[in-house]
C-alpha atoms as a PDB file:
ATOM      1  CA  UNK A   1       7.442  30.202  13.829  1.00  0.00           C
ATOM      2  CA  UNK A   2       7.837  31.859  17.286  1.00  0.00           C
ATOM      3  CA  UNK A   3      10.152  30.231  19.734  1.00  0.00           C
ATOM      4  CA  UNK A   4       8.970  28.914  23.080  1.00  0.00           C
ATOM      5  CA  UNK A   5      10.386  31.979  24.842  1.00  0.00           C
ATOM      6  CA  UNK A   6       8.222  34.222  22.779  1.00  0.00           C
ATOM      7  CA  UNK A   7       5.139  32.062  23.346  1.00  0.00           C
ATOM      8  CA  UNK A   8       5.182  32.371  27.076  1.00  0.00           C
ATOM      9  CA  UNK A   9       1.953  34.617  27.230  1.00  0.00           C
ATOM     10  CA  UNK A  10       0.858  32.717  30.473  1.00  0.00           C
ATOM     11  CA  UNK A  11       3.550  33.987  32.885  1.00  0.00           C
ATOM     12  CA  UNK A  12       2.531  35.623  36.169  1.00  0.00           C
ATOM     13  CA  UNK A  13       5.443  37.315  37.917  1.00  0.00           C
ATOM     14  CA  UNK A  14       5.696  37.718  41.518  1.00  0.00           C
ATOM     15  CA  UNK A  15       6.262  41.430  41.158  1.00  0.00           C
ATOM     16  CA  UNK A  16       3.762  43.868  39.500  1.00  0.00           C
ATOM     17  CA  UNK A  17       0.784  41.432  39.440  1.00  0.00           C
ATOM     18  CA  UNK A  18      -2.217  43.385  38.292  1.00  0.00           C
ATOM     19  CA  UNK A  19      -4.556  40.389  37.163  1.00  0.00           C
ATOM     20  CA  UNK A  20      -4.632  37.274  35.054  1.00  0.00           C
ATOM     21  CA  UNK A  21      -4.693  39.219  31.774  1.00  0.00           C
ATOM     22  CA  UNK A  22      -1.313  40.955  32.280  1.00  0.00           C
ATOM     23  CA  UNK A  23       0.865  37.917  31.212  1.00  0.00           C
ATOM     24  CA  UNK A  24       0.600  38.816  27.516  1.00  0.00           C
ATOM     25  CA  UNK A  25       3.169  41.582  27.827  1.00  0.00           C
ATOM     26  CA  UNK A  26       5.745  39.698  29.946  1.00  0.00           C
ATOM     27  CA  UNK A  27       9.068  38.174  28.757  1.00  0.00           C
ATOM     28  CA  UNK A  28      10.288  34.906  29.836  1.00  0.00           C
ATOM     29  CA  UNK A  29      13.768  35.354  31.111  1.00  0.00           C
ATOM     30  CA  UNK A  30      16.215  32.446  31.160  1.00  0.00           C
ATOM     31  CA  UNK A  31      17.424  33.241  34.671  1.00  0.00           C
ATOM     32  CA  UNK A  32      13.902  33.101  36.207  1.00  0.00           C
ATOM     33  CA  UNK A  33      12.931  30.183  38.563  1.00  0.00           C
ATOM     34  CA  UNK A  34       9.617  28.460  38.427  1.00  0.00           C
ATOM     35  CA  UNK A  35       8.080  27.866  41.760  1.00  0.00           C
ATOM     36  CA  UNK A  36       7.280  24.362  42.796  1.00  0.00           C
ATOM     37  CA  UNK A  37       3.603  23.751  43.233  1.00  0.00           C
ATOM     38  CA  UNK A  38       2.303  21.318  45.891  1.00  0.00           C
ATOM     39  CA  UNK A  39       0.528  18.402  44.386  1.00  0.00           C
ATOM     40  CA  UNK A  40      -2.487  19.015  46.534  1.00  0.00           C
ATOM     41  CA  UNK A  41      -3.140  22.233  44.428  1.00  0.00           C
ATOM     42  CA  UNK A  42      -2.780  20.474  41.114  1.00  0.00           C
ATOM     43  CA  UNK A  43      -4.734  17.292  41.702  1.00  0.00           C
ATOM     44  CA  UNK A  44      -7.990  17.148  39.866  1.00  0.00           C
ATOM     45  CA  UNK A  45     -11.184  17.084  42.065  1.00  0.00           C
ATOM     46  CA  UNK A  46     -12.335  14.402  39.656  1.00  0.00           C
ATOM     47  CA  UNK A  47      -9.478  12.074  40.473  1.00  0.00           C
ATOM     48  CA  UNK A  48     -11.600   9.785  42.700  1.00  0.00           C
ATOM     49  CA  UNK A  49     -14.764  10.099  40.271  1.00  0.00           C
ATOM     50  CA  UNK A  50     -15.481   8.339  37.074  1.00  0.00           C
ATOM     51  CA  UNK A  51     -13.502   9.937  34.246  1.00  0.00           C
ATOM     52  CA  UNK A  52     -14.949   9.559  30.658  1.00  0.00           C
ATOM     53  CA  UNK A  53     -14.158  11.705  27.659  1.00  0.00           C
ATOM     54  CA  UNK A  54     -17.192  12.433  25.497  1.00  0.00           C
ATOM     55  CA  UNK A  55     -15.457  12.585  22.150  1.00  0.00           C
ATOM     56  CA  UNK A  56     -17.284  10.814  19.307  1.00  0.00           C
ATOM     57  CA  UNK A  57     -14.063   9.766  17.459  1.00  0.00           C
ATOM     58  CA  UNK A  58     -12.568   8.416  20.704  1.00  0.00           C
ATOM     59  CA  UNK A  59     -15.829   6.473  21.586  1.00  0.00           C
ATOM     60  CA  UNK A  60     -15.982   4.907  18.093  1.00  0.00           C
ATOM     61  CA  UNK A  61     -12.343   3.833  18.133  1.00  0.00           C
ATOM     62  CA  UNK A  62     -12.698   2.387  21.792  1.00  0.00           C
ATOM     63  CA  UNK A  63     -15.663   0.270  20.624  1.00  0.00           C
ATOM     64  CA  UNK A  64     -13.768  -0.977  17.417  1.00  0.00           C
ATOM     65  CA  UNK A  65     -10.917  -1.925  19.835  1.00  0.00           C
ATOM     66  CA  UNK A  66     -13.254  -4.131  21.921  1.00  0.00           C
ATOM     67  CA  UNK A  67     -14.896  -5.528  18.847  1.00  0.00           C
ATOM     68  CA  UNK A  68     -11.599  -6.519  17.285  1.00  0.00           C
ATOM     69  CA  UNK A  69     -10.662  -8.330  20.568  1.00  0.00           C
ATOM     70  CA  UNK A  70     -13.978 -10.121  20.576  1.00  0.00           C
ATOM     71  CA  UNK A  71     -13.502 -11.098  16.918  1.00  0.00           C
ATOM     72  CA  UNK A  72     -10.281 -12.665  17.751  1.00  0.00           C
ATOM     73  CA  UNK A  73     -11.914 -14.360  20.707  1.00  0.00           C
ATOM     74  CA  UNK A  74     -14.648 -15.877  18.393  1.00  0.00           C
ATOM     75  CA  UNK A  75     -12.107 -17.190  15.757  1.00  0.00           C
ATOM     76  CA  UNK A  76      -9.645 -18.592  18.316  1.00  0.00           C
ATOM     77  CA  UNK A  77     -12.457 -20.414  20.292  1.00  0.00           C
ATOM     78  CA  UNK A  78     -15.018 -21.461  17.656  1.00  0.00           C
ATOM     79  CA  UNK A  79     -12.766 -21.928  14.535  1.00  0.00           C
ATOM     80  CA  UNK A  80      -9.556 -23.321  15.963  1.00  0.00           C
ATOM     81  CA  UNK A  81      -9.790 -24.630  19.517  1.00  0.00           C
ATOM     82  CA  UNK A  82     -13.157 -26.217  19.639  1.00  0.00           C
ATOM     83  CA  UNK A  83     -12.492 -28.190  16.409  1.00  0.00           C
ATOM     84  CA  UNK A  84      -9.145 -29.378  17.667  1.00  0.00           C
ATOM     85  CA  UNK A  85      -8.703 -33.056  18.367  1.00  0.00           C
ATOM     86  CA  UNK A  86      -6.164 -32.492  21.083  1.00  0.00           C
ATOM     87  CA  UNK A  87      -8.020 -31.617  24.291  1.00  0.00           C
ATOM     88  CA  UNK A  88      -4.904 -30.602  26.142  1.00  0.00           C
ATOM     89  CA  UNK A  89      -3.856 -28.254  23.411  1.00  0.00           C
ATOM     90  CA  UNK A  90      -7.345 -26.538  23.309  1.00  0.00           C
ATOM     91  CA  UNK A  91      -7.525 -26.204  27.166  1.00  0.00           C
ATOM     92  CA  UNK A  92      -3.976 -24.719  27.572  1.00  0.00           C
ATOM     93  CA  UNK A  93      -4.381 -22.313  24.710  1.00  0.00           C
ATOM     94  CA  UNK A  94      -7.855 -21.428  25.577  1.00  0.00           C
ATOM     95  CA  UNK A  95      -6.973 -20.482  29.204  1.00  0.00           C
ATOM     96  CA  UNK A  96      -3.947 -18.554  28.066  1.00  0.00           C
ATOM     97  CA  UNK A  97      -5.680 -16.621  25.303  1.00  0.00           C
ATOM     98  CA  UNK A  98      -8.705 -15.791  27.310  1.00  0.00           C
ATOM     99  CA  UNK A  99      -6.522 -14.735  30.326  1.00  0.00           C
ATOM    100  CA  UNK A 100      -4.472 -12.357  28.115  1.00  0.00           C
ATOM    101  CA  UNK A 101      -7.696 -10.951  26.414  1.00  0.00           C
ATOM    102  CA  UNK A 102      -9.319 -10.240  29.777  1.00  0.00           C
ATOM    103  CA  UNK A 103      -6.225  -8.530  31.095  1.00  0.00           C
ATOM    104  CA  UNK A 104      -6.067  -6.405  27.821  1.00  0.00           C
ATOM    105  CA  UNK A 105      -9.725  -5.353  28.109  1.00  0.00           C
ATOM    106  CA  UNK A 106      -9.457  -4.508  31.723  1.00  0.00           C
ATOM    107  CA  UNK A 107      -6.326  -2.498  31.091  1.00  0.00           C
ATOM    108  CA  UNK A 108      -8.019  -0.670  28.290  1.00  0.00           C
ATOM    109  CA  UNK A 109     -10.994   0.096  30.559  1.00  0.00           C
ATOM    110  CA  UNK A 110      -8.714   1.458  33.359  1.00  0.00           C
ATOM    111  CA  UNK A 111      -6.807   3.514  30.928  1.00  0.00           C
ATOM    112  CA  UNK A 112     -10.051   4.963  29.443  1.00  0.00           C
ATOM    113  CA  UNK A 113     -11.872   5.705  32.666  1.00  0.00           C
ATOM    114  CA  UNK A 114      -8.891   6.870  34.774  1.00  0.00           C
ATOM    115  CA  UNK A 115      -8.165  10.583  35.264  1.00  0.00           C
ATOM    116  CA  UNK A 116      -4.895  10.906  33.364  1.00  0.00           C
ATOM    117  CA  UNK A 117      -3.705  13.810  35.686  1.00  0.00           C
ATOM    118  CA  UNK A 118      -5.969  16.687  34.883  1.00  0.00           C
ATOM    119  CA  UNK A 119      -5.237  20.002  36.500  1.00  0.00           C
ATOM    120  CA  UNK A 120      -8.250  21.654  38.149  1.00  0.00           C
ATOM    121  CA  UNK A 121      -9.941  24.284  35.839  1.00  0.00           C
ATOM    122  CA  UNK A 122      -9.964  27.868  36.932  1.00  0.00           C
ATOM    123  CA  UNK A 123      -7.428  27.713  39.887  1.00  0.00           C
ATOM    124  CA  UNK A 124      -5.278  30.540  38.404  1.00  0.00           C
ATOM    125  CA  UNK A 125      -7.070  33.051  40.370  1.00  0.00           C
ATOM    126  CA  UNK A 126      -5.157  36.282  41.481  1.00  0.00           C
ATOM    127  CA  UNK A 127      -5.948  35.462  45.125  1.00  0.00           C
ATOM    128  CA  UNK A 128      -4.459  31.868  44.818  1.00  0.00           C
ATOM    129  CA  UNK A 129      -1.383  33.210  43.029  1.00  0.00           C
ATOM    130  CA  UNK A 130      -0.822  35.860  45.819  1.00  0.00           C
ATOM    131  CA  UNK A 131      -1.265  33.075  48.391  1.00  0.00           C
ATOM    132  CA  UNK A 132       1.791  31.292  46.918  1.00  0.00           C
ATOM    133  CA  UNK A 133       3.965  34.108  48.196  1.00  0.00           C
ATOM    134  CA  UNK A 134       6.279  34.092  45.287  1.00  0.00           C
ATOM    135  CA  UNK A 135       9.741  35.441  45.732  1.00  0.00           C
ATOM    136  CA  UNK A 136      11.416  37.898  43.339  1.00  0.00           C
ATOM    137  CA  UNK A 137      12.278  36.115  40.018  1.00  0.00           C
ATOM    138  CA  UNK A 138       9.996  33.171  40.664  1.00  0.00           C
ATOM    139  CA  UNK A 139       7.165  32.679  38.114  1.00  0.00           C
ATOM    140  CA  UNK A 140       4.145  30.417  37.742  1.00  0.00           C
ATOM    141  CA  UNK A 141       2.582  29.571  34.397  1.00  0.00           C
ATOM    142  CA  UNK A 142      -1.152  29.590  33.563  1.00  0.00           C
ATOM    143  CA  UNK A 143      -3.028  28.117  30.695  1.00  0.00           C
ATOM    144  CA  UNK A 144      -5.189  30.730  28.943  1.00  0.00           C
ATOM    145  CA  UNK A 145      -7.470  27.896  27.605  1.00  0.00           C
ATOM    146  CA  UNK A 146      -8.585  26.436  30.812  1.00  0.00           C
ATOM    147  CA  UNK A 147      -7.445  29.105  33.174  1.00  0.00           C
ATOM    148  CA  UNK A 148      -5.412  26.815  35.349  1.00  0.00           C
ATOM    149  CA  UNK A 149      -1.944  26.885  36.860  1.00  0.00           C
ATOM    150  CA  UNK A 150       0.311  24.619  34.788  1.00  0.00           C
ATOM    151  CA  UNK A 151       2.676  22.469  36.653  1.00  0.00           C
ATOM    152  CA  UNK A 152       5.987  21.451  35.092  1.00  0.00           C
ATOM    153  CA  UNK A 153       5.660  19.208  32.016  1.00  0.00           C
ATOM    154  CA  UNK A 154       1.857  19.726  31.946  1.00  0.00           C
ATOM    155  CA  UNK A 155       0.314  20.344  28.507  1.00  0.00           C
ATOM    156  CA  UNK A 156      -3.168  21.362  27.321  1.00  0.00           C
ATOM    157  CA  UNK A 157      -5.129  18.743  25.395  1.00  0.00           C
ATOM    158  CA  UNK A 158      -7.728  20.085  23.013  1.00  0.00           C
ATOM    159  CA  UNK A 159      -9.874  16.879  23.035  1.00  0.00           C
ATOM    160  CA  UNK A 160     -10.024  16.622  26.874  1.00  0.00           C
ATOM    161  CA  UNK A 161     -10.064  20.368  27.185  1.00  0.00           C
ATOM    162  CA  UNK A 162      -7.815  20.314  30.276  1.00  0.00           C
ATOM    163  CA  UNK A 163      -4.193  20.425  31.106  1.00  0.00           C
ATOM    164  CA  UNK A 164      -2.713  17.107  31.782  1.00  0.00           C
ATOM    165  CA  UNK A 165       0.204  16.451  34.121  1.00  0.00           C
ATOM    166  CA  UNK A 166       3.112  14.646  32.229  1.00  0.00           C
ATOM    167  CA  UNK A 167       1.013  14.260  29.244  1.00  0.00           C
ATOM    168  CA  UNK A 168       2.469  11.887  26.676  1.00  0.00           C
ATOM    169  CA  UNK A 169      -0.278  12.015  23.961  1.00  0.00           C
ATOM    170  CA  UNK A 170      -4.069  11.755  23.344  1.00  0.00           C
ATOM    171  CA  UNK A 171      -4.844   8.257  22.258  1.00  0.00           C
ATOM    172  CA  UNK A 172      -8.187   7.769  20.441  1.00  0.00           C
ATOM    173  CA  UNK A 173      -8.017   4.089  20.906  1.00  0.00           C
ATOM    174  CA  UNK A 174      -8.429   4.417  24.625  1.00  0.00           C
ATOM    175  CA  UNK A 175     -10.540   7.638  24.259  1.00  0.00           C
ATOM    176  CA  UNK A 176      -8.300   9.424  26.699  1.00  0.00           C
ATOM    177  CA  UNK A 177      -4.915  11.177  27.278  1.00  0.00           C
ATOM    178  CA  UNK A 178      -2.035   9.109  28.341  1.00  0.00           C
ATOM    179  CA  UNK A 179      -0.620  10.992  31.404  1.00  0.00           C
ATOM    180  CA  UNK A 180       0.795  10.700  34.890  1.00  0.00           C
ATOM    181  CA  UNK A 181      -1.996   8.656  36.363  1.00  0.00           C
ATOM    182  CA  UNK A 182      -2.917   6.201  33.539  1.00  0.00           C
ATOM    183  CA  UNK A 183       0.221   5.521  31.765  1.00  0.00           C
ATOM    184  CA  UNK A 184       0.771   2.280  33.485  1.00  0.00           C
ATOM    185  CA  UNK A 185      -2.595   0.967  32.417  1.00  0.00           C
ATOM    186  CA  UNK A 186      -1.788   2.030  28.776  1.00  0.00           C
ATOM    187  CA  UNK A 187       1.586   0.194  28.804  1.00  0.00           C
ATOM    188  CA  UNK A 188      -0.161  -2.981  30.148  1.00  0.00           C
ATOM    189  CA  UNK A 189      -2.813  -2.610  27.517  1.00  0.00           C
ATOM    190  CA  UNK A 190      -0.191  -2.453  24.590  1.00  0.00           C
ATOM    191  CA  UNK A 191       1.711  -5.335  26.071  1.00  0.00           C
ATOM    192  CA  UNK A 192      -1.319  -7.669  26.449  1.00  0.00           C
ATOM    193  CA  UNK A 193      -2.610  -6.864  22.820  1.00  0.00           C
ATOM    194  CA  UNK A 194       0.853  -7.545  21.408  1.00  0.00           C
ATOM    195  CA  UNK A 195       0.864 -10.899  23.378  1.00  0.00           C
ATOM    196  CA  UNK A 196      -2.570 -12.107  22.244  1.00  0.00           C
ATOM    197  CA  UNK A 197      -1.728 -10.930  18.678  1.00  0.00           C
ATOM    198  CA  UNK A 198       1.409 -13.060  18.705  1.00  0.00           C
ATOM    199  CA  UNK A 199      -0.420 -16.005  20.347  1.00  0.00           C
ATOM    200  CA  UNK A 200      -3.152 -15.802  17.833  1.00  0.00           C
ATOM    201  CA  UNK A 201      -0.795 -15.724  14.913  1.00  0.00           C
ATOM    202  CA  UNK A 202       1.039 -18.779  16.160  1.00  0.00           C
ATOM    203  CA  UNK A 203      -2.264 -20.676  16.548  1.00  0.00           C
ATOM    204  CA  UNK A 204      -3.371 -19.621  13.018  1.00  0.00           C
ATOM    205  CA  UNK A 205      -0.165 -21.181  11.582  1.00  0.00           C
ATOM    206  CA  UNK A 206      -0.727 -24.425  13.550  1.00  0.00           C
ATOM    207  CA  UNK A 207      -4.315 -24.614  12.503  1.00  0.00           C
ATOM    208  CA  UNK A 208      -3.365 -24.083   8.779  1.00  0.00           C
ATOM    209  CA  UNK A 209      -0.813 -26.921   9.053  1.00  0.00           C
ATOM    210  CA  UNK A 210      -3.488 -29.172  10.708  1.00  0.00           C
ATOM    211  CA  UNK A 211      -6.024 -28.355   8.080  1.00  0.00           C
ATOM    212  CA  UNK A 212      -3.585 -29.128   5.194  1.00  0.00           C
ATOM    213  CA  UNK A 213      -2.808 -32.498   6.788  1.00  0.00           C
ATOM    214  CA  UNK A 214      -6.395 -33.399   7.614  1.00  0.00           C
ATOM    215  CA  UNK A 215      -9.623 -33.030   5.707  1.00  0.00           C
ATOM    216  CA  UNK A 216     -10.718 -29.309   5.563  1.00  0.00           C
ATOM    217  CA  UNK A 217     -14.296 -30.298   6.385  1.00  0.00           C
ATOM    218  CA  UNK A 218     -13.173 -31.799   9.662  1.00  0.00           C
ATOM    219  CA  UNK A 219     -10.717 -29.086  10.837  1.00  0.00           C
ATOM    220  CA  UNK A 220     -13.397 -26.530  11.563  1.00  0.00           C
ATOM    221  CA  UNK A 221     -17.314 -26.502  12.234  1.00  0.00           C
ATOM    222  CA  UNK A 222     -17.384 -23.831   9.452  1.00  0.00           C
ATOM    223  CA  UNK A 223     -17.116 -24.509   5.778  1.00  0.00           C
ATOM    224  CA  UNK A 224     -13.675 -24.485   4.222  1.00  0.00           C
ATOM    225  CA  UNK A 225     -14.185 -21.102   2.427  1.00  0.00           C
ATOM    226  CA  UNK A 226     -15.457 -19.524   5.560  1.00  0.00           C
ATOM    227  CA  UNK A 227     -12.720 -20.948   7.630  1.00  0.00           C
ATOM    228  CA  UNK A 228     -10.045 -19.741   5.340  1.00  0.00           C
ATOM    229  CA  UNK A 229     -11.494 -16.118   5.333  1.00  0.00           C
ATOM    230  CA  UNK A 230     -11.924 -16.070   9.091  1.00  0.00           C
ATOM    231  CA  UNK A 231      -8.380 -17.209   9.544  1.00  0.00           C
ATOM    232  CA  UNK A 232      -6.955 -14.773   7.037  1.00  0.00           C
ATOM    233  CA  UNK A 233      -8.688 -11.752   8.642  1.00  0.00           C
ATOM    234  CA  UNK A 234      -7.421 -12.845  12.114  1.00  0.00           C
ATOM    235  CA  UNK A 235      -3.923 -13.225  10.696  1.00  0.00           C
ATOM    236  CA  UNK A 236      -4.098  -9.802   9.148  1.00  0.00           C
ATOM    237  CA  UNK A 237      -5.549  -8.326  12.370  1.00  0.00           C
ATOM    238  CA  UNK A 238      -2.956 -10.042  14.481  1.00  0.00           C
ATOM    239  CA  UNK A 239       0.030  -9.032  12.380  1.00  0.00           C
ATOM    240  CA  UNK A 240      -1.111  -5.337  12.236  1.00  0.00           C
ATOM    241  CA  UNK A 241      -1.751  -5.035  15.980  1.00  0.00           C
ATOM    242  CA  UNK A 242       1.349  -6.923  16.874  1.00  0.00           C
ATOM    243  CA  UNK A 243       3.578  -4.341  14.978  1.00  0.00           C
ATOM    244  CA  UNK A 244       1.497  -1.429  16.244  1.00  0.00           C
ATOM    245  CA  UNK A 245       1.359  -2.264  19.822  1.00  0.00           C
ATOM    246  CA  UNK A 246       4.973  -3.603  19.928  1.00  0.00           C
ATOM    247  CA  UNK A 247       6.107  -0.186  18.803  1.00  0.00           C
ATOM    248  CA  UNK A 248       3.826   1.694  21.268  1.00  0.00           C
ATOM    249  CA  UNK A 249       5.022  -0.514  24.094  1.00  0.00           C
ATOM    250  CA  UNK A 250       8.548   0.084  23.385  1.00  0.00           C
ATOM    251  CA  UNK A 251       8.067   3.794  23.036  1.00  0.00           C
ATOM    252  CA  UNK A 252       6.382   3.899  26.386  1.00  0.00           C
ATOM    253  CA  UNK A 253       8.992   1.841  28.115  1.00  0.00           C
ATOM    254  CA  UNK A 254      11.671   4.161  26.745  1.00  0.00           C
ATOM    255  CA  UNK A 255       9.772   7.154  27.954  1.00  0.00           C
ATOM    256  CA  UNK A 256       9.409   5.706  31.400  1.00  0.00           C
ATOM    257  CA  UNK A 257      13.177   4.677  31.578  1.00  0.00           C
ATOM    258  CA  UNK A 258      14.323   8.106  30.410  1.00  0.00           C
ATOM    259  CA  UNK A 259      11.626   9.908  32.525  1.00  0.00           C
ATOM    260  CA  UNK A 260      10.401  11.829  29.390  1.00  0.00           C
ATOM    261  CA  UNK A 261       7.127  12.064  27.428  1.00  0.00           C
ATOM    262  CA  UNK A 262       6.757  12.652  23.743  1.00  0.00           C
ATOM    263  CA  UNK A 263       5.545  16.163  24.290  1.00  0.00           C
ATOM    264  CA  UNK A 264       8.169  16.984  26.906  1.00  0.00           C
ATOM    265  CA  UNK A 265      11.016  15.877  24.662  1.00  0.00           C
ATOM    266  CA  UNK A 266       9.446  17.869  21.784  1.00  0.00           C
ATOM    267  CA  UNK A 267       9.250  21.110  23.806  1.00  0.00           C
ATOM    268  CA  UNK A 268      12.375  20.473  25.682  1.00  0.00           C
ATOM    269  CA  UNK A 269      15.093  19.226  23.397  1.00  0.00           C
ATOM    270  CA  UNK A 270      17.725  20.272  25.631  1.00  0.00           C
ATOM    271  CA  UNK A 271      17.248  18.608  29.145  1.00  0.00           C
ATOM    272  CA  UNK A 272      19.979  20.745  30.642  1.00  0.00           C
ATOM    273  CA  UNK A 273      18.538  24.128  29.618  1.00  0.00           C
ATOM    274  CA  UNK A 274      16.757  26.715  31.721  1.00  0.00           C
ATOM    275  CA  UNK A 275      13.555  25.496  33.523  1.00  0.00           C
ATOM    276  CA  UNK A 276      11.350  28.164  32.133  1.00  0.00           C
ATOM    277  CA  UNK A 277      12.543  27.928  28.509  1.00  0.00           C
ATOM    278  CA  UNK A 278      10.159  25.296  27.302  1.00  0.00           C
ATOM    279  CA  UNK A 279       6.996  25.964  29.319  1.00  0.00           C
ATOM    280  CA  UNK A 280       5.214  28.112  26.913  1.00  0.00           C
ATOM    281  CA  UNK A 281       1.886  27.605  25.465  1.00  0.00           C
ATOM    282  CA  UNK A 282       1.954  24.369  23.439  1.00  0.00           C
ATOM    283  CA  UNK A 283      -0.770  23.959  20.983  1.00  0.00           C
ATOM    284  CA  UNK A 284      -3.527  21.546  22.095  1.00  0.00           C
END
C-alpha cells in the first residue's frame, strides 16, 4: 500500500507548470507549503440552489427514515395516547413527541438538501493556477476525478462525485455527504431522533404497565394481539435507533470539539506533521 506521500499525483508546483497532466511525476516534499485559497474560489456555485443527490440507495434510505418516524408517530398517537384515560398525560406527551418528530424531519430535510460544501468542478485550470501567483515552494492540489482545486481537508466523494470541504462521511440515511455546510443539521437530526426514540421507549413501558393493570381490550382501540405487535415493533425500533443515533451524535460532537472529521483523522494521524503530507488522493 502506497503512503500518502507517494499518492500525491495531483500536485501543481509553482515552478515548471506545463499543464494539468504534469502532476503525476511530481514528488510531495515535506518542506513544501500549501498556498491558502480564498473561500470565494472554492464555494460551489450551487450553494444557493437546491442540492439533491440522485442516488437510488440514498433515496430509498431517506424514504425509509421518514416512514419509520411516521410509524412511530402512528403508534404513539393512535395506540397509546388516544386510548389513555389521563387527558393531561396525552396532551403533554403528544405535544412533546410531535415537536421532536417535526424538528427531526426538518433537520433531516435540511441535511439532505443543503450543499455540504462542494468544490466547483473544473476550476483547476492552468490559467486559474497561474493567477494564484504561487511563490517558490508553494503548491496547490487538484482532484483528478472532478478536476477541481482541493482546499485543505477536502475529500472526493464517489457518490456525490464532488470534492467536499471538511467531509466527514457520506450518510445514505440523509442521502448526502456530511460536510462543512450541513454538519450542524446532521447533528441536530441525530439528537432529535435519539430523543424521540427515548421518549417512545418510556411511553411504551408505561403503556404496557397500564394495559397489565387494566383490561387489554380497553387500553387500546386495536385488538390485544395487534396492540402487542405494534408496541413490540416500536420498542425494537426505538431501542435500535436510540443506540445508533446516540453513538453518531457523540461522534459528531467529539469531531466538532476536536475540529477533526473522520476522514481528516484517518488521513492525518499526526496533527503536528507537515501540511502537505496527508493531502494525497484519498479514495472516494
